[in-house]
Amino acid sequence: TPAVKCPYSAKVSAPREVTVLMSALRGGSNPHASDSAKLV
């Protein structure tokens, strides 16, 4: 509901070949702990 407003954060893992963006400031990316084909 738009009556509720709050901040958010996210850690999103995805294949290395794609770029991920969100409606937030980017904080960089790191290797996935268990899947070398992905970045977080």
PDB file of all heavy atoms in Angstrom:
ATOM      1  N   THR A   1       0.859  -1.179   0.000  1.00  0.00           N
ATOM      2  CA  THR A   1       0.000   0.000   0.000  1.00  0.00           C
ATOM      3  C   THR A   1       0.890   1.222   0.000  1.00  0.00           C
ATOM      4  O   THR A   1       1.923   1.239   0.703  1.00  0.00           O
ATOM      5  CB  THR A   1      -0.917   0.026   1.226  1.00  0.00           C
ATOM      6  OG1 THR A   1      -1.540   1.335   1.328  1.00  0.00           O
ATOM      7  CG2 THR A   1      -0.178  -0.248   2.524  1.00  0.00           C
ATOM      8  N   PRO A   2       0.574   2.258  -0.761  1.00  0.00           N
ATOM      9  CA  PRO A   2       1.417   3.452  -0.754  1.00  0.00           C
ATOM     10  C   PRO A   2       1.384   4.208   0.562  1.00  0.00           C
ATOM     11  O   PRO A   2       2.162   5.145   0.748  1.00  0.00           O
ATOM     12  CB  PRO A   2       0.850   4.288  -1.910  1.00  0.00           C
ATOM     13  CG  PRO A   2      -0.535   3.786  -2.126  1.00  0.00           C
ATOM     14  CD  PRO A   2      -0.517   2.334  -1.752  1.00  0.00           C
ATOM     15  N   ALA A   3       0.503   3.795   1.481  1.00  0.00           N
ATOM     16  CA  ALA A   3       0.486   4.409   2.808  1.00  0.00           C
ATOM     17  C   ALA A   3       1.726   4.038   3.606  1.00  0.00           C
ATOM     18  O   ALA A   3       2.078   4.728   4.566  1.00  0.00           O
ATOM     19  CB  ALA A   3      -0.769   3.976   3.573  1.00  0.00           C
ATOM     20  N   VAL A   4       2.385   2.933   3.231  1.00  0.00           N
ATOM     21  CA  VAL A   4       3.587   2.464   3.933  1.00  0.00           C
ATOM     22  C   VAL A   4       4.805   2.801   3.092  1.00  0.00           C
ATOM     23  O   VAL A   4       4.916   2.379   1.942  1.00  0.00           O
ATOM     24  CB  VAL A   4       3.521   0.947   4.192  1.00  0.00           C
ATOM     25  CG1 VAL A   4       4.831   0.446   4.806  1.00  0.00           C
ATOM     26  CG2 VAL A   4       2.350   0.610   5.100  1.00  0.00           C
ATOM     27  N   LYS A   5       5.734   3.554   3.667  1.00  0.00           N
ATOM     28  CA  LYS A   5       6.970   3.906   2.986  1.00  0.00           C
ATOM     29  C   LYS A   5       8.140   3.509   3.888  1.00  0.00           C
ATOM     30  O   LYS A   5       8.139   3.815   5.083  1.00  0.00           O
ATOM     31  CB  LYS A   5       7.015   5.405   2.685  1.00  0.00           C
ATOM     32  CG  LYS A   5       5.868   5.877   1.805  1.00  0.00           C
ATOM     33  CD  LYS A   5       5.806   7.395   1.686  1.00  0.00           C
ATOM     34  CE  LYS A   5       6.801   7.925   0.695  1.00  0.00           C
ATOM     35  NZ  LYS A   5       6.586   9.374   0.433  1.00  0.00           N
ATOM     36  N   CYS A   6       9.113   2.829   3.306  1.00  0.00           N
ATOM     37  CA  CYS A   6      10.271   2.419   4.093  1.00  0.00           C
ATOM     38  C   CYS A   6      11.491   2.298   3.199  1.00  0.00           C
ATOM     39  O   CYS A   6      11.370   2.128   1.977  1.00  0.00           O
ATOM     40  CB  CYS A   6      10.003   1.094   4.822  1.00  0.00           C
ATOM     41  SG  CYS A   6       9.822  -0.334   3.748  1.00  0.00           S
ATOM     42  N   PRO A   7      12.697   2.378   3.768  1.00  0.00           N
ATOM     43  CA  PRO A   7      13.903   2.132   2.984  1.00  0.00           C
ATOM     44  C   PRO A   7      14.046   0.639   2.680  1.00  0.00           C
ATOM     45  O   PRO A   7      13.373  -0.196   3.291  1.00  0.00           O
ATOM     46  CB  PRO A   7      15.033   2.617   3.907  1.00  0.00           C
ATOM     47  CG  PRO A   7      14.446   2.768   5.252  1.00  0.00           C
ATOM     48  CD  PRO A   7      12.967   2.725   5.144  1.00  0.00           C
ATOM     49  N   TYR A   8      14.920   0.320   1.711  1.00  0.00           N
ATOM     50  CA  TYR A   8      15.193  -1.092   1.457  1.00  0.00           C
ATOM     51  C   TYR A   8      16.636  -1.283   1.019  1.00  0.00           C
ATOM     52  O   TYR A   8      17.296  -0.347   0.545  1.00  0.00           O
ATOM     53  CB  TYR A   8      14.218  -1.677   0.430  1.00  0.00           C
ATOM     54  CG  TYR A   8      14.530  -1.441  -1.030  1.00  0.00           C
ATOM     55  CD1 TYR A   8      15.296  -2.352  -1.763  1.00  0.00           C
ATOM     56  CD2 TYR A   8      14.027  -0.330  -1.710  1.00  0.00           C
ATOM     57  CE1 TYR A   8      15.555  -2.163  -3.113  1.00  0.00           C
ATOM     58  CE2 TYR A   8      14.283  -0.131  -3.061  1.00  0.00           C
ATOM     59  CZ  TYR A   8      15.054  -1.047  -3.755  1.00  0.00           C
ATOM     60  OH  TYR A   8      15.320  -0.847  -5.090  1.00  0.00           O
ATOM     61  N   SER A   9      17.115  -2.501   1.207  1.00  0.00           N
ATOM     62  CA  SER A   9      18.415  -2.904   0.685  1.00  0.00           C
ATOM     63  C   SER A   9      18.239  -4.234  -0.025  1.00  0.00           C
ATOM     64  O   SER A   9      17.233  -4.929   0.179  1.00  0.00           O
ATOM     65  CB  SER A   9      19.455  -3.021   1.803  1.00  0.00           C
ATOM     66  OG  SER A   9      19.182  -4.171   2.609  1.00  0.00           O
ATOM     67  N   ALA A  10      19.207  -4.613  -0.857  1.00  0.00           N
ATOM     68  CA  ALA A  10      19.084  -5.876  -1.586  1.00  0.00           C
ATOM     69  C   ALA A  10      20.452  -6.431  -1.931  1.00  0.00           C
ATOM     70  O   ALA A  10      21.396  -5.691  -2.223  1.00  0.00           O
ATOM     71  CB  ALA A  10      18.270  -5.677  -2.860  1.00  0.00           C
ATOM     72  N   LYS A  11      20.543  -7.758  -1.854  1.00  0.00           N
ATOM     73  CA  LYS A  11      21.650  -8.522  -2.407  1.00  0.00           C
ATOM     74  C   LYS A  11      21.037  -9.449  -3.444  1.00  0.00           C
ATOM     75  O   LYS A  11      20.199 -10.282  -3.113  1.00  0.00           O
ATOM     76  CB  LYS A  11      22.358  -9.325  -1.327  1.00  0.00           C
ATOM     77  CG  LYS A  11      22.995  -8.483  -0.225  1.00  0.00           C
ATOM     78  CD  LYS A  11      23.613  -9.366   0.858  1.00  0.00           C
ATOM     79  CE  LYS A  11      24.206  -8.521   1.977  1.00  0.00           C
ATOM     80  NZ  LYS A  11      24.742  -9.382   3.073  1.00  0.00           N
ATOM     81  N   VAL A  12      21.438  -9.276  -4.697  1.00  0.00           N
ATOM     82  CA  VAL A  12      20.807  -9.998  -5.799  1.00  0.00           C
ATOM     83  C   VAL A  12      21.869 -10.773  -6.565  1.00  0.00           C
ATOM     84  O   VAL A  12      22.808 -10.175  -7.111  1.00  0.00           O
ATOM     85  CB  VAL A  12      20.073  -9.037  -6.750  1.00  0.00           C
ATOM     86  CG1 VAL A  12      19.384  -9.819  -7.866  1.00  0.00           C
ATOM     87  CG2 VAL A  12      19.050  -8.194  -5.987  1.00  0.00           C
ATOM     88  N   SER A  13      21.719 -12.092  -6.611  1.00  0.00           N
ATOM     89  CA  SER A  13      22.649 -12.908  -7.387  1.00  0.00           C
ATOM     90  C   SER A  13      22.071 -13.172  -8.767  1.00  0.00           C
ATOM     91  O   SER A  13      20.864 -13.389  -8.923  1.00  0.00           O
ATOM     92  CB  SER A  13      22.950 -14.223  -6.665  1.00  0.00           C
ATOM     93  OG  SER A  13      21.785 -15.006  -6.520  1.00  0.00           O
ATOM     94  N   ALA A  14      22.957 -13.152  -9.767  1.00  0.00           N
ATOM     95  CA  ALA A  14      22.531 -13.312 -11.158  1.00  0.00           C
ATOM     96  C   ALA A  14      23.718 -13.798 -11.977  1.00  0.00           C
ATOM     97  O   ALA A  14      24.886 -13.657 -11.559  1.00  0.00           O
ATOM     98  CB  ALA A  14      22.017 -11.987 -11.711  1.00  0.00           C
ATOM     99  N   PRO A  15      23.475 -14.362 -13.154  1.00  0.00           N
ATOM    100  CA  PRO A  15      24.580 -14.782 -14.014  1.00  0.00           C
ATOM    101  C   PRO A  15      25.540 -13.630 -14.310  1.00  0.00           C
ATOM    102  O   PRO A  15      25.121 -12.480 -14.460  1.00  0.00           O
ATOM    103  CB  PRO A  15      23.876 -15.251 -15.290  1.00  0.00           C
ATOM    104  CG  PRO A  15      22.506 -15.649 -14.841  1.00  0.00           C
ATOM    105  CD  PRO A  15      22.155 -14.702 -13.744  1.00  0.00           C
ATOM    106  N   ARG A  16      26.817 -13.942 -14.389  1.00  0.00           N
ATOM    107  CA  ARG A  16      27.840 -12.923 -14.617  1.00  0.00           C
ATOM    108  C   ARG A  16      27.608 -12.129 -15.898  1.00  0.00           C
ATOM    109  O   ARG A  16      28.021 -10.983 -16.022  1.00  0.00           O
ATOM    110  CB  ARG A  16      29.224 -13.573 -14.681  1.00  0.00           C
ATOM    111  CG  ARG A  16      29.777 -14.018 -13.340  1.00  0.00           C
ATOM    112  CD  ARG A  16      31.130 -14.678 -13.494  1.00  0.00           C
ATOM    113  NE  ARG A  16      31.736 -14.988 -12.202  1.00  0.00           N
ATOM    114  CZ  ARG A  16      32.538 -14.172 -11.523  1.00  0.00           C
ATOM    115  NH1 ARG A  16      32.851 -12.993 -12.025  1.00  0.00           N
ATOM    116  NH2 ARG A  16      33.036 -14.530 -10.355  1.00  0.00           N
ATOM    117  N   GLU A  17      26.959 -12.751 -16.881  1.00  0.00           N
ATOM    118  CA  GLU A  17      26.815 -12.116 -18.197  1.00  0.00           C
ATOM    119  C   GLU A  17      25.803 -10.982 -18.211  1.00  0.00           C
ATOM    120  O   GLU A  17      25.726 -10.247 -19.205  1.00  0.00           O
ATOM    121  CB  GLU A  17      26.392 -13.163 -19.234  1.00  0.00           C
ATOM    122  CG  GLU A  17      27.430 -14.240 -19.499  1.00  0.00           C
ATOM    123  CD  GLU A  17      27.476 -15.325 -18.430  1.00  0.00           C
ATOM    124  OE1 GLU A  17      26.540 -15.371 -17.588  1.00  0.00           O
ATOM    125  OE2 GLU A  17      28.430 -16.124 -18.423  1.00  0.00           O
ATOM    126  N   VAL A  18      24.980 -10.840 -17.170  1.00  0.00           N
ATOM    127  CA  VAL A  18      23.963  -9.788 -17.163  1.00  0.00           C
ATOM    128  C   VAL A  18      24.302  -8.719 -16.129  1.00  0.00           C
ATOM    129  O   VAL A  18      24.973  -8.988 -15.129  1.00  0.00           O
ATOM    130  CB  VAL A  18      22.540 -10.348 -16.894  1.00  0.00           C
ATOM    131  CG1 VAL A  18      22.179 -11.402 -17.915  1.00  0.00           C
ATOM    132  CG2 VAL A  18      22.412 -10.893 -15.479  1.00  0.00           C
ATOM    133  N   THR A  19      23.836  -7.521 -16.395  1.00  0.00           N
ATOM    134  CA  THR A  19      23.949  -6.411 -15.451  1.00  0.00           C
ATOM    135  C   THR A  19      22.632  -6.293 -14.688  1.00  0.00           C
ATOM    136  O   THR A  19      21.556  -6.389 -15.286  1.00  0.00           O
ATOM    137  CB  THR A  19      24.238  -5.103 -16.203  1.00  0.00           C
ATOM    138  OG1 THR A  19      25.499  -5.222 -16.863  1.00  0.00           O
ATOM    139  CG2 THR A  19      24.278  -3.913 -15.261  1.00  0.00           C
ATOM    140  N   VAL A  20      22.723  -6.078 -13.381  1.00  0.00           N
ATOM    141  CA  VAL A  20      21.538  -5.935 -12.538  1.00  0.00           C
ATOM    142  C   VAL A  20      21.481  -4.503 -12.018  1.00  0.00           C
ATOM    143  O   VAL A  20      22.480  -3.954 -11.543  1.00  0.00           O
ATOM    144  CB  VAL A  20      21.550  -6.929 -11.350  1.00  0.00           C
ATOM    145  CG1 VAL A  20      20.306  -6.749 -10.483  1.00  0.00           C
ATOM    146  CG2 VAL A  20      21.647  -8.361 -11.855  1.00  0.00           C
ATOM    147  N   LEU A  21      20.298  -3.887 -12.111  1.00  0.00           N
ATOM    148  CA  LEU A  21      20.052  -2.557 -11.558  1.00  0.00           C
ATOM    149  C   LEU A  21      18.772  -2.607 -10.731  1.00  0.00           C
ATOM    150  O   LEU A  21      17.896  -3.435 -10.969  1.00  0.00           O
ATOM    151  CB  LEU A  21      19.887  -1.523 -12.674  1.00  0.00           C
ATOM    152  CG  LEU A  21      21.032  -1.362 -13.676  1.00  0.00           C
ATOM    153  CD1 LEU A  21      20.619  -0.416 -14.796  1.00  0.00           C
ATOM    154  CD2 LEU A  21      22.296  -0.863 -12.986  1.00  0.00           C
ATOM    155  N   MET A  22      18.668  -1.685  -9.776  1.00  0.00           N
ATOM    156  CA  MET A  22      17.442  -1.559  -8.984  1.00  0.00           C
ATOM    157  C   MET A  22      17.139  -0.085  -8.758  1.00  0.00           C
ATOM    158  O   MET A  22      17.939   0.793  -9.110  1.00  0.00           O
ATOM    159  CB  MET A  22      17.572  -2.296  -7.643  1.00  0.00           C
ATOM    160  CG  MET A  22      17.679  -3.809  -7.769  1.00  0.00           C
ATOM    161  SD  MET A  22      17.495  -4.687  -6.188  1.00  0.00           S
ATOM    162  CE  MET A  22      15.705  -4.568  -5.944  1.00  0.00           C
ATOM    163  N   SER A  23      15.982   0.178  -8.172  1.00  0.00           N
ATOM    164  CA  SER A  23      15.584   1.554  -7.858  1.00  0.00           C
ATOM    165  C   SER A  23      16.263   1.986  -6.556  1.00  0.00           C
ATOM    166  O   SER A  23      15.622   2.355  -5.575  1.00  0.00           O
ATOM    167  CB  SER A  23      14.064   1.642  -7.720  1.00  0.00           C
ATOM    168  OG  SER A  23      13.591   0.692  -6.774  1.00  0.00           O
ATOM    169  N   ALA A  24      17.569   1.925  -6.577  1.00  0.00           N
ATOM    170  CA  ALA A  24      18.382   2.191  -5.394  1.00  0.00           C
ATOM    171  C   ALA A  24      19.793   2.503  -5.856  1.00  0.00           C
ATOM    172  O   ALA A  24      20.145   2.302  -7.032  1.00  0.00           O
ATOM    173  CB  ALA A  24      18.372   0.971  -4.464  1.00  0.00           C
ATOM    174  N   LEU A  25      20.631   2.971  -4.946  1.00  0.00           N
ATOM    175  CA  LEU A  25      22.022   3.245  -5.278  1.00  0.00           C
ATOM    176  C   LEU A  25      22.798   1.940  -5.348  1.00  0.00           C
ATOM    177  O   LEU A  25      22.601   1.034  -4.539  1.00  0.00           O
ATOM    178  CB  LEU A  25      22.635   4.179  -4.234  1.00  0.00           C
ATOM    179  CG  LEU A  25      22.009   5.575  -4.149  1.00  0.00           C
ATOM    180  CD1 LEU A  25      22.652   6.377  -3.025  1.00  0.00           C
ATOM    181  CD2 LEU A  25      22.129   6.315  -5.473  1.00  0.00           C
ATOM    182  N   ARG A  26      23.675   1.846  -6.335  1.00  0.00           N
ATOM    183  CA  ARG A  26      24.469   0.636  -6.523  1.00  0.00           C
ATOM    184  C   ARG A  26      25.637   0.616  -5.540  1.00  0.00           C
ATOM    185  O   ARG A  26      26.296   1.619  -5.302  1.00  0.00           O
ATOM    186  CB  ARG A  26      24.999   0.562  -7.948  1.00  0.00           C
ATOM    187  CG  ARG A  26      23.922   0.647  -9.012  1.00  0.00           C
ATOM    188  CD  ARG A  26      24.516   0.830 -10.396  1.00  0.00           C
ATOM    189  NE  ARG A  26      25.126  -0.407 -10.887  1.00  0.00           N
ATOM    190  CZ  ARG A  26      26.076  -0.460 -11.813  1.00  0.00           C
ATOM    191  NH1 ARG A  26      26.563   0.677 -12.301  1.00  0.00           N
ATOM    192  NH2 ARG A  26      26.541  -1.607 -12.229  1.00  0.00           N
ATOM    193  N   GLY A  27      25.882  -0.569  -4.997  1.00  0.00           N
ATOM    194  CA  GLY A  27      26.975  -0.730  -4.039  1.00  0.00           C
ATOM    195  C   GLY A  27      28.050  -1.687  -4.509  1.00  0.00           C
ATOM    196  O   GLY A  27      28.810  -2.217  -3.715  1.00  0.00           O
ATOM    197  N   GLY A  28      28.099  -1.958  -5.809  1.00  0.00           N
ATOM    198  CA  GLY A  28      29.106  -2.860  -6.327  1.00  0.00           C
ATOM    199  C   GLY A  28      28.616  -4.289  -6.408  1.00  0.00           C
ATOM    200  O   GLY A  28      27.450  -4.595  -6.142  1.00  0.00           O
ATOM    201  N   SER A  29      29.518  -5.201  -6.755  1.00  0.00           N
ATOM    202  CA  SER A  29      29.180  -6.615  -6.869  1.00  0.00           C
ATOM    203  C   SER A  29      30.337  -7.458  -6.378  1.00  0.00           C
ATOM    204  O   SER A  29      31.502  -7.035  -6.406  1.00  0.00           O
ATOM    205  CB  SER A  29      28.816  -6.978  -8.312  1.00  0.00           C
ATOM    206  OG  SER A  29      29.892  -6.680  -9.182  1.00  0.00           O
ATOM    207  N   ASN A  30      30.007  -8.688  -5.936  1.00  0.00           N
ATOM    208  CA  ASN A  30      30.996  -9.606  -5.395  1.00  0.00           C
ATOM    209  C   ASN A  30      30.787 -10.987  -5.987  1.00  0.00           C
ATOM    210  O   ASN A  30      29.677 -11.336  -6.415  1.00  0.00           O
ATOM    211  CB  ASN A  30      30.849  -9.701  -3.862  1.00  0.00           C
ATOM    212  CG  ASN A  30      31.003  -8.361  -3.175  1.00  0.00           C
ATOM    213  OD1 ASN A  30      31.985  -7.664  -3.393  1.00  0.00           O
ATOM    214  ND2 ASN A  30      30.028  -7.998  -2.350  1.00  0.00           N
ATOM    215  N   PRO A  31      31.835 -11.825  -6.013  1.00  0.00           N
ATOM    216  CA  PRO A  31      31.652 -13.203  -6.467  1.00  0.00           C
ATOM    217  C   PRO A  31      30.655 -13.940  -5.570  1.00  0.00           C
ATOM    218  O   PRO A  31      30.614 -13.713  -4.354  1.00  0.00           O
ATOM    219  CB  PRO A  31      33.054 -13.805  -6.362  1.00  0.00           C
ATOM    220  CG  PRO A  31      33.987 -12.628  -6.363  1.00  0.00           C
ATOM    221  CD  PRO A  31      33.237 -11.527  -5.691  1.00  0.00           C
ATOM    222  N   HIS A  32      29.867 -14.806  -6.161  1.00  0.00           N
ATOM    223  CA  HIS A  32      28.931 -15.631  -5.397  1.00  0.00           C
ATOM    224  C   HIS A  32      29.725 -16.636  -4.567  1.00  0.00           C
ATOM    225  O   HIS A  32      30.711 -17.213  -5.033  1.00  0.00           O
ATOM    226  CB  HIS A  32      27.979 -16.344  -6.349  1.00  0.00           C
ATOM    227  CG  HIS A  32      26.779 -16.934  -5.679  1.00  0.00           C
ATOM    228  ND1 HIS A  32      26.836 -18.105  -4.980  1.00  0.00           N
ATOM    229  CD2 HIS A  32      25.487 -16.518  -5.610  1.00  0.00           C
ATOM    230  CE1 HIS A  32      25.636 -18.411  -4.513  1.00  0.00           C
ATOM    231  NE2 HIS A  32      24.798 -17.439  -4.880  1.00  0.00           N
ATOM    232  N   ALA A  33      29.298 -16.865  -3.337  1.00  0.00           N
ATOM    233  CA  ALA A  33      30.043 -17.724  -2.414  1.00  0.00           C
ATOM    234  C   ALA A  33      30.147 -19.165  -2.897  1.00  0.00           C
ATOM    235  O   ALA A  33      31.149 -19.845  -2.633  1.00  0.00           O
ATOM    236  CB  ALA A  33      29.402 -17.680  -1.033  1.00  0.00           C
ATOM    237  N   SER A  34      29.109 -19.649  -3.609  1.00  0.00           N
ATOM    238  CA  SER A  34      29.101 -21.072  -3.976  1.00  0.00           C
ATOM    239  C   SER A  34      28.895 -21.338  -5.468  1.00  0.00           C
ATOM    240  O   SER A  34      28.880 -22.495  -5.876  1.00  0.00           O
ATOM    241  CB  SER A  34      28.009 -21.798  -3.190  1.00  0.00           C
ATOM    242  OG  SER A  34      26.740 -21.220  -3.463  1.00  0.00           O
ATOM    243  N   ASP A  35      28.738 -20.270  -6.267  1.00  0.00           N
ATOM    244  CA  ASP A  35      28.478 -20.462  -7.695  1.00  0.00           C
ATOM    245  C   ASP A  35      29.329 -19.476  -8.480  1.00  0.00           C
ATOM    246  O   ASP A  35      29.013 -18.283  -8.569  1.00  0.00           O
ATOM    247  CB  ASP A  35      26.988 -20.253  -7.994  1.00  0.00           C
ATOM    248  CG  ASP A  35      26.616 -20.639  -9.422  1.00  0.00           C
ATOM    249  OD1 ASP A  35      27.520 -20.770 -10.265  1.00  0.00           O
ATOM    250  OD2 ASP A  35      25.403 -20.788  -9.700  1.00  0.00           O
ATOM    251  N   SER A  36      30.416 -19.981  -9.071  1.00  0.00           N
ATOM    252  CA  SER A  36      31.360 -19.103  -9.765  1.00  0.00           C
ATOM    253  C   SER A  36      30.770 -18.471 -11.018  1.00  0.00           C
ATOM    254  O   SER A  36      31.338 -17.522 -11.569  1.00  0.00           O
ATOM    255  CB  SER A  36      32.619 -19.883 -10.139  1.00  0.00           C
ATOM    256  OG  SER A  36      32.295 -20.967 -11.011  1.00  0.00           O
ATOM    257  N   ALA A  37      29.617 -18.980 -11.483  1.00  0.00           N
ATOM    258  CA  ALA A  37      28.977 -18.424 -12.680  1.00  0.00           C
ATOM    259  C   ALA A  37      28.129 -17.203 -12.360  1.00  0.00           C
ATOM    260  O   ALA A  37      27.551 -16.606 -13.269  1.00  0.00           O
ATOM    261  CB  ALA A  37      28.118 -19.493 -13.349  1.00  0.00           C
ATOM    262  N   LYS A  38      28.056 -16.835 -11.077  1.00  0.00           N
ATOM    263  CA  LYS A  38      27.179 -15.733 -10.673  1.00  0.00           C
ATOM    264  C   LYS A  38      27.934 -14.664  -9.907  1.00  0.00           C
ATOM    265  O   LYS A  38      28.988 -14.904  -9.311  1.00  0.00           O
ATOM    266  CB  LYS A  38      26.028 -16.266  -9.804  1.00  0.00           C
ATOM    267  CG  LYS A  38      25.036 -17.135 -10.558  1.00  0.00           C
ATOM    268  CD  LYS A  38      23.845 -17.487  -9.694  1.00  0.00           C
ATOM    269  CE  LYS A  38      22.782 -18.225 -10.511  1.00  0.00           C
ATOM    270  NZ  LYS A  38      21.582 -18.524  -9.694  1.00  0.00           N
ATOM    271  N   LEU A  39      27.372 -13.470  -9.946  1.00  0.00           N
ATOM    272  CA  LEU A  39      27.816 -12.361  -9.111  1.00  0.00           C
ATOM    273  C   LEU A  39      26.677 -11.947  -8.189  1.00  0.00           C
ATOM    274  O   LEU A  39      25.499 -12.110  -8.524  1.00  0.00           O
ATOM    275  CB  LEU A  39      28.229 -11.158  -9.964  1.00  0.00           C
ATOM    276  CG  LEU A  39      29.491 -11.292 -10.820  1.00  0.00           C
ATOM    277  CD1 LEU A  39      29.670 -10.031 -11.670  1.00  0.00           C
ATOM    278  CD2 LEU A  39      30.723 -11.529  -9.957  1.00  0.00           C
ATOM    279  N   VAL A  40      27.029 -11.375  -7.037  1.00  0.00           N
ATOM    280  CA  VAL A  40      26.036 -10.844  -6.107  1.00  0.00           C
ATOM    281  C   VAL A  40      26.120  -9.322  -6.148  1.00  0.00           C
ATOM    282  O   VAL A  40      27.173  -8.736  -5.869  1.00  0.00           O
ATOM    283  CB  VAL A  40      26.273 -11.349  -4.672  1.00  0.00           C
ATOM    284  CG1 VAL A  40      25.242 -10.734  -3.721  1.00  0.00           C
ATOM    285  CG2 VAL A  40      26.209 -12.873  -4.610  1.00  0.00           C
TER     286      VAL A  40
END
